[in-house]
């Protein structure tokens, strides 16, 4: 009797357990959610495009994975990540950092990030696209602590042919020819936040100085930043910066954030603005969010891209990769982060970003569809057509100085330079003082 009851009971209990398991799956049948602290959000130029990519990922993996952007402004990003790391709550997925030295030193040396090495071996389609110098830099003690760079995005400027249509390519001009060609027209510069566009132009001036690229290229890696500003090229570049700012900066430059500078440009007020190819979308007439910011009959199709005078472009940090993952994250969180990264670098998404942002992937062979689409994009063509075999790639100023020198040091000095209350020599002296203080304080 007991045995006859035991088997049906066992079967019943087994069925109940299976039912409970499936019921549990149904209750928990939601995606693994990854909260992604991200500065390419909000008012950032690339926010709409990046969110669209996230949406495509979420749609593809609906019910399995979901990435949710947690917006933060770029100027606050480094400090927030460091703060969270200090209390053992580092986010699962990080997107680059301005302070690459902190990542390469603190994060890498303490093995706080996920090792991409084995994952890259399992994904040769991505590994084969990596920029070798970036792979070398992102490897420490046999661990690939940050996903190395696949693409590069040389930075120049945009100009509005509706108000400024020079007879000569800007990259072929000298600085004097460029300013003379502007006449009474103004440029969108800025001093607020990190003075981004102004910093880029200053970088191009440094790169055009004899020996400038060679000097700057010695710094920015492994926490080694400039503290010696005695080379005459600094005074020369700052003097030229002052002349351009005093003669050609828009009237709102002092106190202007990037958004303020952009509003003047897309309002047919200024002739040019400094930024990288990720800004392409702001001039796309099919981008409703961008068009909503246009005023005074601005027409984005009239915008062209160029490099800086003297055949200079400004290079981004091609060494530290963009994505890295916290080693302390759960396996589930790492799973969705890695799935997202794999999605980001699949050919379709890679080519779309190359079209939208002007990214260049040196080791990638584009499809015929990409080449056809590129040929139909005049802005992209003007960008790609501005480079030649003699183009000089100048390091970004903010990548070769201490963080506190780049911001708030450099931006805070600019108003005095513009108003003439500070001489170029005093400006250089202050940069040197800020740098020595930062060195003494370790930041």
Protein backbone atom coordinates (compact mmCIF):
# COMPACT_ATOMS: atom_id res chain seq x y z
CA UNK A 1 0.00 0.00 0.00
CA UNK A 2 2.76 2.35 0.95
CA UNK A 3 4.72 1.56 -2.16
CA UNK A 4 1.69 2.01 -4.37
CA UNK A 5 1.13 5.47 -2.93
CA UNK A 6 4.78 6.48 -2.93
CA UNK A 7 5.28 6.34 -6.70
CA UNK A 8 2.25 8.46 -7.62
CA UNK A 9 3.20 10.88 -4.87
CA UNK A 10 6.72 11.04 -6.18
CA UNK A 11 5.45 11.68 -9.68
CA UNK A 12 3.01 14.30 -8.39
CA UNK A 13 5.69 16.03 -6.34
CA UNK A 14 8.00 15.93 -9.32
CA UNK A 15 5.36 17.50 -11.51
CA UNK A 16 4.61 20.14 -8.90
CA UNK A 17 8.31 20.96 -8.64
CA UNK A 18 8.59 21.26 -12.42
CA UNK A 19 5.51 23.46 -12.49
CA UNK A 20 6.94 25.67 -9.79
CA UNK A 21 10.18 25.95 -11.72
CA UNK A 22 8.40 26.99 -14.89
CA UNK A 23 6.15 29.29 -12.89
CA UNK A 24 9.28 30.85 -11.41
CA UNK A 25 10.72 31.31 -14.90
CA UNK A 26 7.51 32.94 -16.00
CA UNK A 27 7.54 35.28 -13.01
CA UNK A 28 11.16 36.09 -13.64
CA UNK A 29 10.66 36.05 -17.39
CA UNK A 30 12.05 39.52 -17.87
CA UNK A 31 15.25 40.73 -19.45
CA UNK A 32 18.54 41.09 -17.64
CA UNK A 33 18.67 44.85 -17.19
CA UNK A 34 21.96 46.72 -17.47
CA UNK A 35 21.91 50.27 -16.10
CA UNK A 36 24.51 52.05 -18.19
CA UNK A 37 25.97 55.29 -16.79
CA UNK A 38 26.56 57.19 -19.99
CA UNK A 39 27.51 60.75 -20.95
CA UNK A 40 26.51 60.35 -24.60
CA UNK A 41 23.02 61.25 -23.48
CA UNK A 42 20.83 64.27 -22.85
CA UNK A 43 22.16 67.30 -24.74
CA UNK A 44 25.26 65.50 -26.05
CA UNK A 45 25.55 65.69 -29.84
CA UNK A 46 25.65 61.93 -30.23
CA UNK A 47 22.85 61.16 -27.76
CA UNK A 48 20.05 60.51 -30.23
CA UNK A 49 22.17 58.21 -32.39
CA UNK A 50 23.50 56.30 -29.40
CA UNK A 51 20.05 55.86 -27.90
CA UNK A 52 18.82 54.59 -31.27
CA UNK A 53 21.57 51.96 -31.22
CA UNK A 54 20.59 50.96 -27.69
CA UNK A 55 16.98 50.68 -28.85
CA UNK A 56 18.00 48.37 -31.69
CA UNK A 57 19.90 46.19 -29.22
CA UNK A 58 16.94 46.07 -26.86
CA UNK A 59 14.62 45.19 -29.72
CA UNK A 60 16.89 42.38 -30.94
CA UNK A 61 17.21 40.91 -27.45
CA UNK A 62 13.70 41.73 -26.22
CA UNK A 63 12.88 39.64 -23.17
CA UNK A 64 16.50 38.56 -22.77
CA UNK A 65 18.58 41.71 -22.29
CA UNK A 66 17.83 45.38 -21.83
CA UNK A 67 20.26 48.29 -21.65
CA UNK A 68 18.97 51.39 -19.88
CA UNK A 69 20.95 54.63 -20.23
CA UNK A 70 21.54 56.47 -16.97
CA UNK A 71 22.41 59.97 -18.22
CA UNK A 72 25.24 62.05 -16.82
CA UNK A 73 27.01 65.08 -18.27
CA UNK A 74 30.49 64.40 -19.62
CA UNK A 75 32.25 66.79 -17.25
CA UNK A 76 30.92 64.82 -14.26
CA UNK A 77 31.54 61.34 -15.63
CA UNK A 78 35.14 60.71 -14.51
CA UNK A 79 34.51 61.93 -10.97
CA UNK A 80 31.38 59.81 -10.65
CA UNK A 81 33.08 56.62 -11.81
CA UNK A 82 36.01 57.25 -9.47
CA UNK A 83 33.64 57.94 -6.59
CA UNK A 84 31.74 54.70 -7.19
CA UNK A 85 34.98 52.76 -7.57
CA UNK A 86 36.17 54.17 -4.24
CA UNK A 87 33.20 52.67 -2.41
CA UNK A 88 33.23 49.36 -4.27
CA UNK A 89 30.17 50.14 -6.41
CA UNK A 90 31.71 50.59 -9.84
CA UNK A 91 29.10 50.38 -12.62
CA UNK A 92 29.06 47.21 -14.70
CA UNK A 93 29.89 48.92 -18.01
CA UNK A 94 31.99 52.04 -18.50
CA UNK A 95 32.42 54.12 -21.64
CA UNK A 96 35.94 55.52 -21.92
CA UNK A 97 37.22 58.21 -19.57
CA UNK A 98 39.05 61.48 -20.05
CA UNK A 99 41.49 60.44 -17.33
CA UNK A 100 42.97 57.51 -19.22
CA UNK A 101 45.89 57.43 -16.79
CA UNK A 102 43.56 56.52 -13.91
CA UNK A 103 42.20 53.58 -15.87
CA UNK A 104 45.60 52.37 -17.03
CA UNK A 105 47.11 52.76 -13.56
CA UNK A 106 44.51 52.30 -10.83
CA UNK A 107 42.01 50.08 -12.64
CA UNK A 108 44.47 47.97 -14.61
CA UNK A 109 47.05 47.56 -11.86
CA UNK A 110 44.42 46.50 -9.34
CA UNK A 111 42.68 44.23 -11.86
CA UNK A 112 39.36 45.96 -11.26
CA UNK A 113 38.20 45.43 -14.83
CA UNK A 114 37.14 42.37 -16.79
CA UNK A 115 39.83 40.65 -18.89
CA UNK A 116 38.72 40.83 -22.52
CA UNK A 117 41.55 38.52 -23.64
CA UNK A 118 39.65 35.19 -23.67
CA UNK A 119 36.54 36.88 -25.05
CA UNK A 120 38.49 38.37 -27.95
CA UNK A 121 39.90 34.94 -28.78
CA UNK A 122 36.31 33.75 -29.06
CA UNK A 123 35.43 36.73 -31.26
CA UNK A 124 38.14 36.96 -33.94
CA UNK A 125 35.83 39.09 -36.09
CA UNK A 126 36.32 41.85 -33.50
CA UNK A 127 39.90 41.07 -32.50
CA UNK A 128 41.05 41.36 -36.11
CA UNK A 129 39.74 44.95 -36.26
CA UNK A 130 41.61 46.21 -33.21
CA UNK A 131 44.16 48.99 -33.62
CA UNK A 132 47.49 47.37 -32.61
CA UNK A 133 48.76 50.33 -30.59
CA UNK A 134 45.54 50.37 -28.60
CA UNK A 135 45.69 46.62 -27.96
CA UNK A 136 49.23 47.00 -26.68
CA UNK A 137 48.27 49.84 -24.35
CA UNK A 138 45.12 48.09 -23.08
CA UNK A 139 47.08 44.96 -22.11
CA UNK A 140 48.65 44.83 -18.66
CA UNK A 141 50.13 41.72 -17.09
CA UNK A 142 48.63 39.54 -19.80
CA UNK A 143 45.13 40.93 -19.18
CA UNK A 144 43.23 43.07 -21.70
CA UNK A 145 41.71 45.43 -19.15
CA UNK A 146 39.79 47.59 -21.64
CA UNK A 147 38.42 46.75 -25.07
CA UNK A 148 40.94 48.38 -27.44
CA UNK A 149 39.94 50.87 -30.09
CA UNK A 150 38.68 49.71 -33.48
CA UNK A 151 37.98 53.11 -34.99
CA UNK A 152 39.49 56.58 -35.06
CA UNK A 153 37.74 59.93 -35.48
CA UNK A 154 40.06 62.77 -36.54
CA UNK A 155 38.61 66.14 -35.52
CA UNK A 156 38.31 69.28 -37.60
CA UNK A 157 35.59 71.89 -37.96
CA UNK A 158 32.28 72.54 -39.66
CA UNK A 159 31.46 75.63 -41.69
CA UNK A 160 28.19 76.95 -43.05
CA UNK A 161 28.42 77.67 -46.76
CA UNK A 162 25.27 79.77 -46.52
CA UNK A 163 27.31 82.44 -44.74
CA UNK A 164 30.92 81.46 -45.48
CA UNK A 165 32.00 79.81 -48.71
CA UNK A 166 35.78 80.18 -49.17
CA UNK A 167 37.41 79.76 -52.57
CA UNK A 168 40.17 77.63 -51.07
CA UNK A 169 40.02 74.55 -48.87
CA UNK A 170 40.52 75.59 -45.23
CA UNK A 171 43.12 72.87 -44.71
CA UNK A 172 45.17 74.38 -47.55
CA UNK A 173 45.13 77.83 -45.96
CA UNK A 174 47.58 79.33 -43.52
CA UNK A 175 46.07 80.67 -40.30
CA UNK A 176 46.36 84.20 -41.67
CA UNK A 177 44.58 83.25 -44.88
CA UNK A 178 41.81 81.60 -42.88
CA UNK A 179 41.14 84.61 -40.67
CA UNK A 180 41.33 86.99 -43.64
CA UNK A 181 38.80 84.83 -45.51
CA UNK A 182 36.35 85.24 -42.63
CA UNK A 183 36.15 88.99 -43.01
CA UNK A 184 33.63 90.19 -40.43
CA UNK A 185 32.25 86.71 -39.79
CA UNK A 186 32.62 85.07 -36.40
CA UNK A 187 33.41 81.59 -35.07
CA UNK A 188 31.53 79.69 -32.37
CA UNK A 189 33.99 79.40 -29.49
CA UNK A 190 33.32 78.74 -25.80
CA UNK A 191 34.88 79.13 -22.36
CA UNK A 192 32.40 77.24 -20.15
CA UNK A 193 32.50 73.53 -19.25
CA UNK A 194 35.75 72.19 -20.74
CA UNK A 195 35.89 74.88 -23.45
CA UNK A 196 35.76 72.01 -25.91
CA UNK A 197 35.79 73.80 -29.26
CA UNK A 198 38.31 76.38 -28.10
CA UNK A 199 40.55 73.62 -26.76
CA UNK A 200 40.39 71.83 -30.12
CA UNK A 201 41.41 74.94 -32.01
CA UNK A 202 44.24 75.54 -29.54
CA UNK A 203 45.39 71.96 -30.15
CA UNK A 204 45.54 72.64 -33.87
CA UNK A 205 47.65 75.76 -33.26
CA UNK A 206 50.06 73.74 -31.12
CA UNK A 207 50.24 71.07 -33.81
CA UNK A 208 51.08 73.68 -36.46
CA UNK A 209 54.05 74.97 -34.46
CA UNK A 210 57.45 73.54 -35.50
CA UNK A 211 58.09 70.56 -33.26
CA UNK A 212 54.60 70.81 -31.72
CA UNK A 213 53.36 67.34 -32.61
CA UNK A 214 56.64 65.75 -31.58
CA UNK A 215 56.58 67.50 -28.20
CA UNK A 216 52.93 66.75 -27.43
CA UNK A 217 53.22 63.12 -28.51
CA UNK A 218 55.61 62.44 -25.63
CA UNK A 219 52.83 62.94 -23.10
CA UNK A 220 49.47 61.56 -22.10
CA UNK A 221 50.39 57.91 -21.58
CA UNK A 222 50.79 56.11 -18.28
CA UNK A 223 50.07 59.25 -16.28
CA UNK A 224 52.95 61.22 -17.82
CA UNK A 225 51.72 64.77 -18.43
CA UNK A 226 53.28 68.10 -19.42
CA UNK A 227 54.63 70.30 -16.62
CA UNK A 228 57.30 72.19 -18.59
CA UNK A 229 55.83 74.99 -20.71
CA UNK A 230 59.12 76.77 -21.40
CA UNK A 231 59.32 75.78 -25.07
CA UNK A 232 58.67 78.89 -27.22
CA UNK A 233 55.92 77.06 -29.13
CA UNK A 234 53.58 77.50 -26.15
CA UNK A 235 53.85 81.28 -26.15
CA UNK A 236 53.54 81.37 -29.93
CA UNK A 237 50.39 79.21 -29.96
CA UNK A 238 48.74 81.12 -27.10
CA UNK A 239 49.50 84.43 -28.81
CA UNK A 240 47.79 83.20 -31.98
CA UNK A 241 44.86 81.89 -29.94
CA UNK A 242 44.40 85.30 -28.34
CA UNK A 243 44.48 87.04 -31.72
CA UNK A 244 41.84 84.71 -33.16
CA UNK A 245 39.60 84.89 -30.08
CA UNK A 246 39.79 88.67 -29.88
CA UNK A 247 39.14 89.14 -33.58
CA UNK A 248 36.81 86.32 -34.54
CA UNK A 249 35.10 84.79 -31.49
CA UNK A 250 31.33 85.21 -31.31
CA UNK A 251 30.08 87.82 -28.87
CA UNK A 252 28.73 85.19 -26.44
CA UNK A 253 32.03 83.28 -26.18
CA UNK A 254 32.83 84.25 -22.58
CA UNK A 255 30.60 82.02 -20.49
CA UNK A 256 29.32 80.04 -23.47
CA UNK A 257 28.91 76.28 -23.15
CA UNK A 258 29.06 74.08 -26.23
CA UNK A 259 25.28 74.13 -26.58
CA UNK A 260 25.36 77.94 -26.67
CA UNK A 261 28.04 77.91 -29.36
CA UNK A 262 26.10 75.36 -31.36
CA UNK A 263 22.90 77.41 -31.18
CA UNK A 264 24.65 80.32 -32.87
CA UNK A 265 25.99 78.07 -35.60
CA UNK A 266 22.65 76.40 -36.36
CA UNK A 267 21.07 79.84 -36.24
CA UNK A 268 23.05 81.17 -39.22
CA UNK A 269 24.95 83.53 -36.90
CA UNK A 270 28.49 82.12 -36.98
CA UNK A 271 30.55 80.77 -39.86
CA UNK A 272 32.23 77.81 -38.17
CA UNK A 273 32.29 75.56 -35.12
CA UNK A 274 34.97 73.13 -33.96
CA UNK A 275 33.94 69.53 -33.37
CA UNK A 276 34.35 65.97 -34.54
CA UNK A 277 32.40 63.93 -37.08
CA UNK A 278 29.98 62.66 -34.43
CA UNK A 279 28.24 66.01 -34.94
CA UNK A 280 27.10 65.01 -38.45
CA UNK A 281 23.62 64.19 -37.20
CA UNK A 282 23.05 67.76 -36.05
CA UNK A 283 22.99 68.83 -39.69
CA UNK A 284 20.77 66.04 -40.99
CA UNK A 285 17.42 67.40 -42.23
CA UNK A 286 15.89 63.98 -41.49
CA UNK A 287 16.85 64.25 -37.82
CA UNK A 288 13.79 65.83 -36.22
CA UNK A 289 15.55 66.50 -32.92
CA UNK A 290 18.33 68.35 -34.73
CA UNK A 291 16.01 70.34 -36.97
CA UNK A 292 14.07 71.48 -33.91
CA UNK A 293 17.17 73.43 -32.84
CA UNK A 294 17.66 75.18 -36.19
CA UNK A 295 16.67 78.83 -36.51
CA UNK A 296 16.89 81.79 -38.89
CA UNK A 297 16.37 79.53 -41.92
CA UNK A 298 19.44 77.44 -41.17
CA UNK A 299 19.89 74.59 -43.67
CA UNK A 300 22.02 71.67 -42.50
CA UNK A 301 22.65 70.56 -46.06
CA UNK A 302 24.73 73.72 -46.51
CA UNK A 303 27.25 72.59 -43.89
CA UNK A 304 30.62 71.19 -44.91
CA UNK A 305 33.45 69.69 -42.89
CA UNK A 306 37.12 70.62 -43.05
CA UNK A 307 40.35 70.22 -41.18
CA UNK A 308 42.20 73.14 -39.60
CA UNK A 309 44.48 75.62 -41.38
CA UNK A 310 47.98 74.38 -42.17
CA UNK A 311 46.60 70.91 -43.01
CA UNK A 312 46.11 70.02 -39.34
CA UNK A 313 43.54 67.74 -37.76
CA UNK A 314 43.26 66.90 -34.09
CA UNK A 315 43.46 63.30 -33.06
CA UNK A 316 41.40 61.74 -30.32
CA UNK A 317 42.88 59.40 -27.73
CA UNK A 318 43.47 56.34 -29.89
CA UNK A 319 45.15 54.41 -27.09
CA UNK A 320 42.66 53.70 -24.32
CA UNK A 321 39.64 51.79 -25.61
CA UNK A 322 36.06 52.90 -25.18
CA UNK A 323 34.42 50.06 -23.26
CA UNK A 324 35.49 48.36 -20.06
CA UNK A 325 33.61 46.19 -17.59
CA UNK A 326 33.84 45.92 -13.82
CA UNK A 327 35.44 42.67 -12.70
CA UNK A 328 33.17 42.75 -9.65
CA UNK A 329 29.99 42.69 -11.76
CA UNK A 330 27.83 39.58 -11.59
CA UNK A 331 28.04 36.98 -14.34
CA UNK A 332 24.59 38.03 -15.53
CA UNK A 333 25.61 41.66 -15.77
CA UNK A 334 28.81 40.76 -17.61
CA UNK A 335 26.75 38.63 -19.98
CA UNK A 336 24.52 41.51 -21.07
CA UNK A 337 27.46 43.94 -21.22
CA UNK A 338 29.41 41.62 -23.51
CA UNK A 339 26.34 40.99 -25.65
CA UNK A 340 25.93 44.74 -26.03
CA UNK A 341 29.56 45.26 -27.01
CA UNK A 342 29.35 42.42 -29.54
CA UNK A 343 26.25 44.07 -31.00
CA UNK A 344 27.92 47.48 -31.15
CA UNK A 345 30.76 46.11 -33.28
CA UNK A 346 28.81 43.90 -35.65
CA UNK A 347 29.31 45.05 -39.28
CA UNK A 348 25.89 46.67 -39.68
CA UNK A 349 26.27 48.84 -36.60
CA UNK A 350 29.92 49.60 -37.32
CA UNK A 351 29.13 50.79 -40.84
CA UNK A 352 26.19 52.85 -39.63
CA UNK A 353 28.41 54.71 -37.16
CA UNK A 354 31.05 55.20 -39.82
CA UNK A 355 28.41 56.84 -42.01
CA UNK A 356 26.81 58.90 -39.25
CA UNK A 357 29.93 59.93 -37.37
CA UNK A 358 32.75 59.73 -39.91
CA UNK A 359 34.57 57.05 -37.94
CA UNK A 360 37.43 55.31 -39.72
CA UNK A 361 38.11 51.63 -39.04
CA UNK A 362 41.58 51.00 -40.53
CA UNK A 363 41.34 47.19 -40.49
CA UNK A 364 37.79 46.87 -41.77
CA UNK A 365 36.79 46.26 -45.38
CA UNK A 366 33.49 48.08 -45.92
CA UNK A 367 30.64 46.57 -47.86
CA UNK A 368 29.51 47.81 -51.26
CA UNK A 369 26.36 49.14 -49.61
CA UNK A 370 28.49 51.28 -47.30
CA UNK A 371 30.52 52.69 -50.17
CA UNK A 372 27.36 53.54 -52.09
CA UNK A 373 25.81 55.23 -49.07
CA UNK A 374 29.00 57.19 -48.37
CA UNK A 375 29.01 58.50 -51.93
CA UNK A 376 25.53 59.93 -51.37
CA UNK A 377 26.52 61.87 -48.23
CA UNK A 378 28.04 65.23 -49.21
CA UNK A 379 28.99 66.13 -45.62
CA UNK A 380 30.83 62.85 -45.14
CA UNK A 381 32.52 63.28 -48.50
CA UNK A 382 33.70 66.79 -47.58
CA UNK A 383 35.10 65.39 -44.33
CA UNK A 384 36.92 62.46 -45.89
CA UNK A 385 38.08 64.62 -48.80
CA UNK A 386 39.78 67.11 -46.51
CA UNK A 387 42.55 64.68 -45.54
CA UNK A 388 45.59 63.90 -47.65
CA UNK A 389 48.92 62.13 -47.29
CA UNK A 390 50.48 65.25 -45.78
CA UNK A 391 47.82 65.92 -43.15
CA UNK A 392 49.33 66.40 -39.69
CA UNK A 393 47.60 64.69 -36.76
CA UNK A 394 47.99 66.81 -33.63
CA UNK A 395 47.33 65.35 -30.17
CA UNK A 396 44.51 66.92 -28.19
CA UNK A 397 45.70 69.39 -25.57
CA UNK A 398 43.40 67.95 -22.90
CA UNK A 399 44.97 64.51 -23.38
CA UNK A 400 48.53 65.61 -22.63
CA UNK A 401 47.94 67.71 -19.50
CA UNK A 402 46.64 66.83 -16.07
CA UNK A 403 42.86 66.66 -15.75
CA UNK A 404 42.69 69.72 -13.53
CA UNK A 405 44.74 71.69 -16.05
CA UNK A 406 42.40 70.74 -18.90
CA UNK A 407 39.37 71.56 -16.77
CA UNK A 408 38.90 73.88 -14.98
CA UNK A 409 42.39 75.35 -15.47
CA UNK A 410 42.42 76.09 -19.20
CA UNK A 411 38.77 77.26 -19.47
CA UNK A 412 39.11 79.57 -16.49
CA UNK A 413 42.07 81.36 -18.06
CA UNK A 414 40.35 82.05 -21.38
CA UNK A 415 38.19 85.07 -20.38
CA UNK A 416 41.28 86.97 -19.28
CA UNK A 417 43.02 86.14 -22.54
CA UNK A 418 40.02 87.33 -24.55
CA UNK A 419 39.51 90.57 -22.58
CA UNK A 420 43.23 91.32 -22.62
CA UNK A 421 43.58 91.36 -18.85
CA UNK A 422 46.01 88.46 -19.16
CA UNK A 423 48.96 88.39 -21.54
CA UNK A 424 49.87 85.24 -23.48
CA UNK A 425 52.99 84.86 -21.32
CA UNK A 426 50.92 85.07 -18.15
CA UNK A 427 48.55 82.47 -19.62
CA UNK A 428 51.46 80.09 -20.26
CA UNK A 429 52.87 80.75 -16.80
CA UNK A 430 49.54 79.89 -15.23
CA UNK A 431 49.33 76.63 -17.21
CA UNK A 432 52.75 75.74 -15.85
CA UNK A 433 51.72 76.60 -12.30
CA UNK A 434 48.51 74.58 -12.54
CA UNK A 435 50.47 71.63 -13.92
CA UNK A 436 53.05 71.62 -11.13
CA UNK A 437 50.27 71.83 -8.54
CA UNK A 438 48.44 68.94 -10.20
CA UNK A 439 51.63 66.90 -10.29
CA UNK A 440 52.21 67.51 -6.58
CA UNK A 441 48.65 66.47 -5.80
CA UNK A 442 48.72 63.48 -8.13
CA UNK A 443 45.99 64.68 -10.47
